[in-house]
N, C-alpha and C. Protein backbone atom coordinates (compact mmCIF):
# COMPACT_ATOMS: atom_id res chain seq x y z
N MET A 1 -3.98 1.44 -12.91
CA MET A 1 -4.47 1.80 -11.61
C MET A 1 -5.85 1.15 -11.44
N ASN A 2 -6.13 0.72 -10.22
CA ASN A 2 -7.46 0.17 -9.97
C ASN A 2 -8.23 1.06 -8.99
N VAL A 3 -9.46 0.67 -8.69
CA VAL A 3 -10.34 1.48 -7.85
C VAL A 3 -9.73 1.72 -6.48
N THR A 4 -9.18 0.69 -5.87
CA THR A 4 -8.59 0.84 -4.53
C THR A 4 -7.46 1.86 -4.52
N ASN A 5 -6.57 1.80 -5.51
CA ASN A 5 -5.44 2.74 -5.57
C ASN A 5 -5.92 4.18 -5.66
N LEU A 6 -6.91 4.44 -6.51
CA LEU A 6 -7.39 5.81 -6.66
C LEU A 6 -8.10 6.28 -5.40
N LEU A 7 -8.86 5.42 -4.76
CA LEU A 7 -9.52 5.82 -3.51
C LEU A 7 -8.51 6.19 -2.43
N VAL A 8 -7.41 5.47 -2.35
CA VAL A 8 -6.36 5.79 -1.38
C VAL A 8 -5.74 7.15 -1.70
N LEU A 9 -5.48 7.42 -2.97
CA LEU A 9 -4.88 8.70 -3.35
C LEU A 9 -5.81 9.89 -3.11
N LEU A 10 -7.11 9.66 -3.20
CA LEU A 10 -8.08 10.74 -3.00
C LEU A 10 -8.50 10.92 -1.55
N GLN A 11 -8.04 10.05 -0.68
CA GLN A 11 -8.53 10.01 0.70
C GLN A 11 -8.35 11.31 1.48
N ASP A 12 -7.23 11.95 1.41
CA ASP A 12 -6.95 13.12 2.24
C ASP A 12 -7.14 14.46 1.53
N LEU A 13 -7.85 14.47 0.43
CA LEU A 13 -8.03 15.71 -0.32
C LEU A 13 -9.28 16.45 0.12
N ARG A 14 -9.30 17.74 -0.17
CA ARG A 14 -10.52 18.52 0.09
C ARG A 14 -11.66 17.93 -0.73
N PRO A 15 -12.84 17.80 -0.16
CA PRO A 15 -13.96 17.14 -0.84
C PRO A 15 -14.39 17.83 -2.14
N ASN A 16 -14.25 19.14 -2.24
CA ASN A 16 -14.73 19.86 -3.42
C ASN A 16 -13.67 20.08 -4.49
N THR A 17 -12.56 19.38 -4.40
CA THR A 17 -11.52 19.47 -5.42
C THR A 17 -12.04 18.87 -6.72
N GLN A 18 -11.87 19.59 -7.83
CA GLN A 18 -12.37 19.12 -9.12
C GLN A 18 -11.35 18.22 -9.79
N LEU A 19 -11.87 17.31 -10.64
CA LEU A 19 -11.04 16.31 -11.30
C LEU A 19 -10.99 16.56 -12.80
N TYR A 20 -9.79 16.41 -13.37
CA TYR A 20 -9.59 16.61 -14.80
C TYR A 20 -8.72 15.49 -15.36
N TRP A 21 -8.81 15.29 -16.66
CA TRP A 21 -7.94 14.35 -17.38
C TRP A 21 -6.91 15.17 -18.14
N ALA A 22 -5.64 14.89 -17.92
CA ALA A 22 -4.55 15.56 -18.63
C ALA A 22 -3.73 14.48 -19.34
N GLY A 23 -4.22 14.03 -20.47
CA GLY A 23 -3.55 12.97 -21.22
C GLY A 23 -2.41 13.52 -22.06
N GLU A 24 -2.12 12.83 -23.14
CA GLU A 24 -1.00 13.22 -23.99
C GLU A 24 -1.23 14.54 -24.71
N SER A 25 -2.46 14.82 -25.07
CA SER A 25 -2.73 16.07 -25.80
C SER A 25 -2.79 17.24 -24.81
N SER A 26 -2.79 18.42 -25.35
CA SER A 26 -2.84 19.61 -24.49
C SER A 26 -4.26 19.94 -24.05
N LYS A 27 -5.24 19.18 -24.53
CA LYS A 27 -6.63 19.43 -24.19
C LYS A 27 -6.95 18.82 -22.82
N ILE A 28 -7.45 19.64 -21.92
CA ILE A 28 -7.83 19.21 -20.57
C ILE A 28 -9.34 18.94 -20.57
N LEU A 29 -9.73 17.77 -20.09
CA LEU A 29 -11.14 17.41 -20.00
C LEU A 29 -11.54 17.23 -18.54
N GLY A 30 -12.73 17.65 -18.20
CA GLY A 30 -13.25 17.43 -16.86
C GLY A 30 -13.89 16.07 -16.75
N VAL A 31 -13.66 15.37 -15.64
CA VAL A 31 -14.27 14.06 -15.42
C VAL A 31 -15.74 14.28 -15.10
N SER A 32 -16.62 13.67 -15.90
CA SER A 32 -18.04 13.95 -15.75
C SER A 32 -18.89 12.75 -15.34
N SER A 33 -18.44 11.54 -15.63
CA SER A 33 -19.24 10.36 -15.28
C SER A 33 -18.37 9.11 -15.32
N ILE A 34 -18.95 8.00 -14.86
CA ILE A 34 -18.28 6.70 -14.85
C ILE A 34 -19.16 5.70 -15.57
N SER A 35 -18.53 4.82 -16.34
CA SER A 35 -19.24 3.74 -17.03
C SER A 35 -18.56 2.42 -16.72
N LEU A 36 -19.34 1.39 -16.50
CA LEU A 36 -18.81 0.05 -16.33
C LEU A 36 -18.84 -0.64 -17.68
N VAL A 37 -17.69 -1.15 -18.12
CA VAL A 37 -17.58 -1.85 -19.39
C VAL A 37 -17.39 -3.33 -19.08
N LYS A 38 -18.28 -4.15 -19.65
CA LYS A 38 -18.20 -5.60 -19.45
C LYS A 38 -17.84 -6.26 -20.77
N THR A 39 -16.79 -7.05 -20.74
CA THR A 39 -16.41 -7.84 -21.91
C THR A 39 -16.37 -9.30 -21.50
N ASN A 40 -16.12 -10.18 -22.46
CA ASN A 40 -16.04 -11.61 -22.14
C ASN A 40 -14.84 -11.91 -21.25
N GLU A 41 -13.76 -11.17 -21.43
CA GLU A 41 -12.54 -11.44 -20.68
C GLU A 41 -12.44 -10.63 -19.39
N ASN A 42 -12.76 -9.34 -19.45
CA ASN A 42 -12.53 -8.43 -18.32
C ASN A 42 -13.68 -7.46 -18.14
N ASN A 43 -13.78 -6.95 -16.94
CA ASN A 43 -14.65 -5.82 -16.64
C ASN A 43 -13.75 -4.68 -16.18
N TYR A 44 -14.10 -3.46 -16.55
CA TYR A 44 -13.31 -2.31 -16.11
C TYR A 44 -14.19 -1.07 -16.10
N LEU A 45 -13.70 -0.04 -15.41
CA LEU A 45 -14.41 1.23 -15.32
C LEU A 45 -13.79 2.24 -16.27
N VAL A 46 -14.65 3.02 -16.90
CA VAL A 46 -14.19 4.08 -17.80
C VAL A 46 -14.72 5.40 -17.27
N LEU A 47 -13.81 6.35 -17.07
CA LEU A 47 -14.19 7.70 -16.69
C LEU A 47 -14.42 8.48 -17.98
N ASN A 48 -15.53 9.16 -18.05
CA ASN A 48 -15.88 9.94 -19.24
C ASN A 48 -15.63 11.41 -18.97
N GLY A 49 -15.30 12.16 -20.01
CA GLY A 49 -14.96 13.56 -19.82
C GLY A 49 -15.74 14.52 -20.68
N LYS A 50 -15.72 15.77 -20.27
CA LYS A 50 -16.29 16.89 -21.00
C LYS A 50 -15.30 18.03 -20.93
N THR A 51 -15.57 19.08 -21.70
CA THR A 51 -14.68 20.24 -21.63
C THR A 51 -14.72 20.81 -20.22
N PRO A 52 -13.62 21.41 -19.74
CA PRO A 52 -13.56 21.88 -18.36
C PRO A 52 -14.60 22.93 -18.00
N ALA A 53 -15.11 23.65 -18.97
CA ALA A 53 -16.10 24.69 -18.64
C ALA A 53 -17.40 24.07 -18.13
N GLN A 54 -17.64 22.84 -18.47
CA GLN A 54 -18.85 22.18 -18.00
C GLN A 54 -18.60 21.56 -16.63
N ALA A 55 -19.67 21.20 -15.97
CA ALA A 55 -19.57 20.66 -14.61
C ALA A 55 -18.74 19.38 -14.59
N THR A 56 -17.81 19.32 -13.67
CA THR A 56 -16.99 18.13 -13.48
C THR A 56 -17.28 17.54 -12.11
N LEU A 57 -16.95 16.28 -11.97
CA LEU A 57 -17.12 15.64 -10.67
C LEU A 57 -16.12 16.21 -9.68
N LYS A 58 -16.53 16.27 -8.46
CA LYS A 58 -15.65 16.68 -7.37
C LYS A 58 -15.10 15.41 -6.71
N ALA A 59 -14.04 15.55 -5.91
CA ALA A 59 -13.39 14.39 -5.30
C ALA A 59 -14.37 13.55 -4.49
N TRP A 60 -15.24 14.19 -3.71
CA TRP A 60 -16.17 13.41 -2.88
C TRP A 60 -17.17 12.65 -3.73
N GLU A 61 -17.58 13.22 -4.87
CA GLU A 61 -18.52 12.54 -5.76
C GLU A 61 -17.87 11.31 -6.41
N LEU A 62 -16.63 11.48 -6.86
CA LEU A 62 -15.93 10.36 -7.48
C LEU A 62 -15.70 9.25 -6.46
N LYS A 63 -15.29 9.61 -5.24
CA LYS A 63 -15.08 8.59 -4.21
C LYS A 63 -16.36 7.83 -3.93
N PHE A 64 -17.48 8.55 -3.83
CA PHE A 64 -18.76 7.91 -3.57
C PHE A 64 -19.13 6.93 -4.68
N LEU A 65 -18.95 7.36 -5.93
CA LEU A 65 -19.27 6.50 -7.07
C LEU A 65 -18.34 5.29 -7.15
N LEU A 66 -17.06 5.49 -6.89
CA LEU A 66 -16.10 4.38 -6.97
C LEU A 66 -16.37 3.31 -5.92
N GLN A 67 -16.88 3.71 -4.78
CA GLN A 67 -17.13 2.74 -3.71
C GLN A 67 -18.26 1.79 -4.03
N THR A 68 -19.04 2.06 -5.07
CA THR A 68 -20.13 1.18 -5.46
C THR A 68 -19.68 0.07 -6.41
N TYR A 69 -18.40 0.08 -6.81
CA TYR A 69 -17.86 -0.91 -7.74
C TYR A 69 -16.84 -1.79 -7.03
N PRO A 70 -16.56 -2.98 -7.57
CA PRO A 70 -15.52 -3.83 -6.99
C PRO A 70 -14.17 -3.12 -6.98
N ALA A 71 -13.42 -3.35 -5.92
CA ALA A 71 -12.16 -2.63 -5.70
C ALA A 71 -11.06 -3.00 -6.68
N THR A 72 -11.16 -4.13 -7.33
CA THR A 72 -10.07 -4.57 -8.22
C THR A 72 -10.25 -4.17 -9.67
N LEU A 73 -11.33 -3.48 -10.01
CA LEU A 73 -11.55 -3.07 -11.39
C LEU A 73 -10.49 -2.06 -11.83
N ALA A 74 -9.98 -2.24 -13.03
CA ALA A 74 -9.02 -1.30 -13.61
C ALA A 74 -9.75 -0.04 -14.06
N LEU A 75 -9.03 1.08 -14.06
CA LEU A 75 -9.61 2.37 -14.45
C LEU A 75 -8.99 2.85 -15.77
N TYR A 76 -9.86 3.35 -16.65
CA TYR A 76 -9.46 3.92 -17.93
C TYR A 76 -10.18 5.25 -18.11
N PHE A 77 -9.67 6.05 -19.05
CA PHE A 77 -10.35 7.29 -19.41
C PHE A 77 -10.74 7.20 -20.87
N ASN A 78 -11.96 7.60 -21.20
CA ASN A 78 -12.49 7.54 -22.54
C ASN A 78 -12.00 8.74 -23.35
N THR A 79 -11.18 8.49 -24.37
CA THR A 79 -10.67 9.56 -25.24
C THR A 79 -11.07 9.25 -26.67
N GLN A 80 -10.75 10.16 -27.58
CA GLN A 80 -11.05 9.93 -28.99
C GLN A 80 -10.23 8.77 -29.55
N LYS A 81 -9.08 8.48 -28.94
CA LYS A 81 -8.23 7.38 -29.39
C LYS A 81 -8.66 6.04 -28.79
N GLY A 82 -9.64 6.06 -27.93
CA GLY A 82 -10.07 4.83 -27.26
C GLY A 82 -9.92 4.98 -25.75
N HIS A 83 -9.90 3.88 -25.06
CA HIS A 83 -9.76 3.90 -23.60
C HIS A 83 -8.29 3.93 -23.22
N GLN A 84 -7.88 5.00 -22.55
CA GLN A 84 -6.50 5.17 -22.11
C GLN A 84 -6.39 4.78 -20.64
N PRO A 85 -5.41 3.95 -20.25
CA PRO A 85 -5.28 3.58 -18.85
C PRO A 85 -4.86 4.79 -18.00
N ILE A 86 -5.33 4.80 -16.77
CA ILE A 86 -4.96 5.85 -15.81
C ILE A 86 -3.79 5.33 -15.00
N PHE A 87 -2.68 6.06 -15.01
CA PHE A 87 -1.47 5.62 -14.33
C PHE A 87 -1.24 6.34 -13.01
N GLY A 88 -1.77 7.54 -12.86
CA GLY A 88 -1.51 8.29 -11.64
C GLY A 88 -2.27 9.60 -11.62
N ILE A 89 -1.95 10.42 -10.62
CA ILE A 89 -2.59 11.72 -10.51
C ILE A 89 -1.54 12.78 -10.23
N ARG A 90 -1.91 14.02 -10.55
CA ARG A 90 -1.04 15.17 -10.31
C ARG A 90 -1.90 16.23 -9.65
N PHE A 91 -1.35 16.91 -8.66
CA PHE A 91 -2.05 17.99 -7.97
C PHE A 91 -1.46 19.32 -8.42
N ALA A 92 -2.33 20.21 -8.92
CA ALA A 92 -1.86 21.52 -9.37
C ALA A 92 -3.04 22.48 -9.40
N ASP A 93 -2.80 23.72 -9.04
CA ASP A 93 -3.79 24.79 -9.13
C ASP A 93 -5.09 24.45 -8.40
N GLY A 94 -5.00 23.71 -7.30
CA GLY A 94 -6.17 23.36 -6.52
C GLY A 94 -7.08 22.34 -7.17
N ALA A 95 -6.55 21.58 -8.12
CA ALA A 95 -7.33 20.55 -8.83
C ALA A 95 -6.52 19.26 -8.90
N ILE A 96 -7.21 18.20 -9.29
CA ILE A 96 -6.59 16.90 -9.47
C ILE A 96 -6.59 16.61 -10.97
N TYR A 97 -5.42 16.22 -11.49
CA TYR A 97 -5.28 15.87 -12.89
C TYR A 97 -4.90 14.41 -13.00
N LEU A 98 -5.80 13.62 -13.56
CA LEU A 98 -5.50 12.20 -13.81
C LEU A 98 -4.65 12.11 -15.04
N LYS A 99 -3.73 11.18 -15.05
CA LYS A 99 -2.88 10.99 -16.24
C LYS A 99 -2.62 9.53 -16.45
């Protein structure tokens, strides 16, 4: 998924909806920040997470931050296993879960 795709998916959501990462493990992490990773071959964005009890970004905050980066950058989530690609989102319990 790239920046443009995620912005389109977040467009019609309530602004204060919280964002979480729901990867392969049962551990849910809250999206807390964005990092730009530059390599010789590619540049991409990495979403960083914290435990859900800590403050997570809301939909309007993530949209605002994403608009400051090029639209074609790929999105990944920073996990203990490395950077996992983001393939889509799921809506449940009034929150957004990236997967």
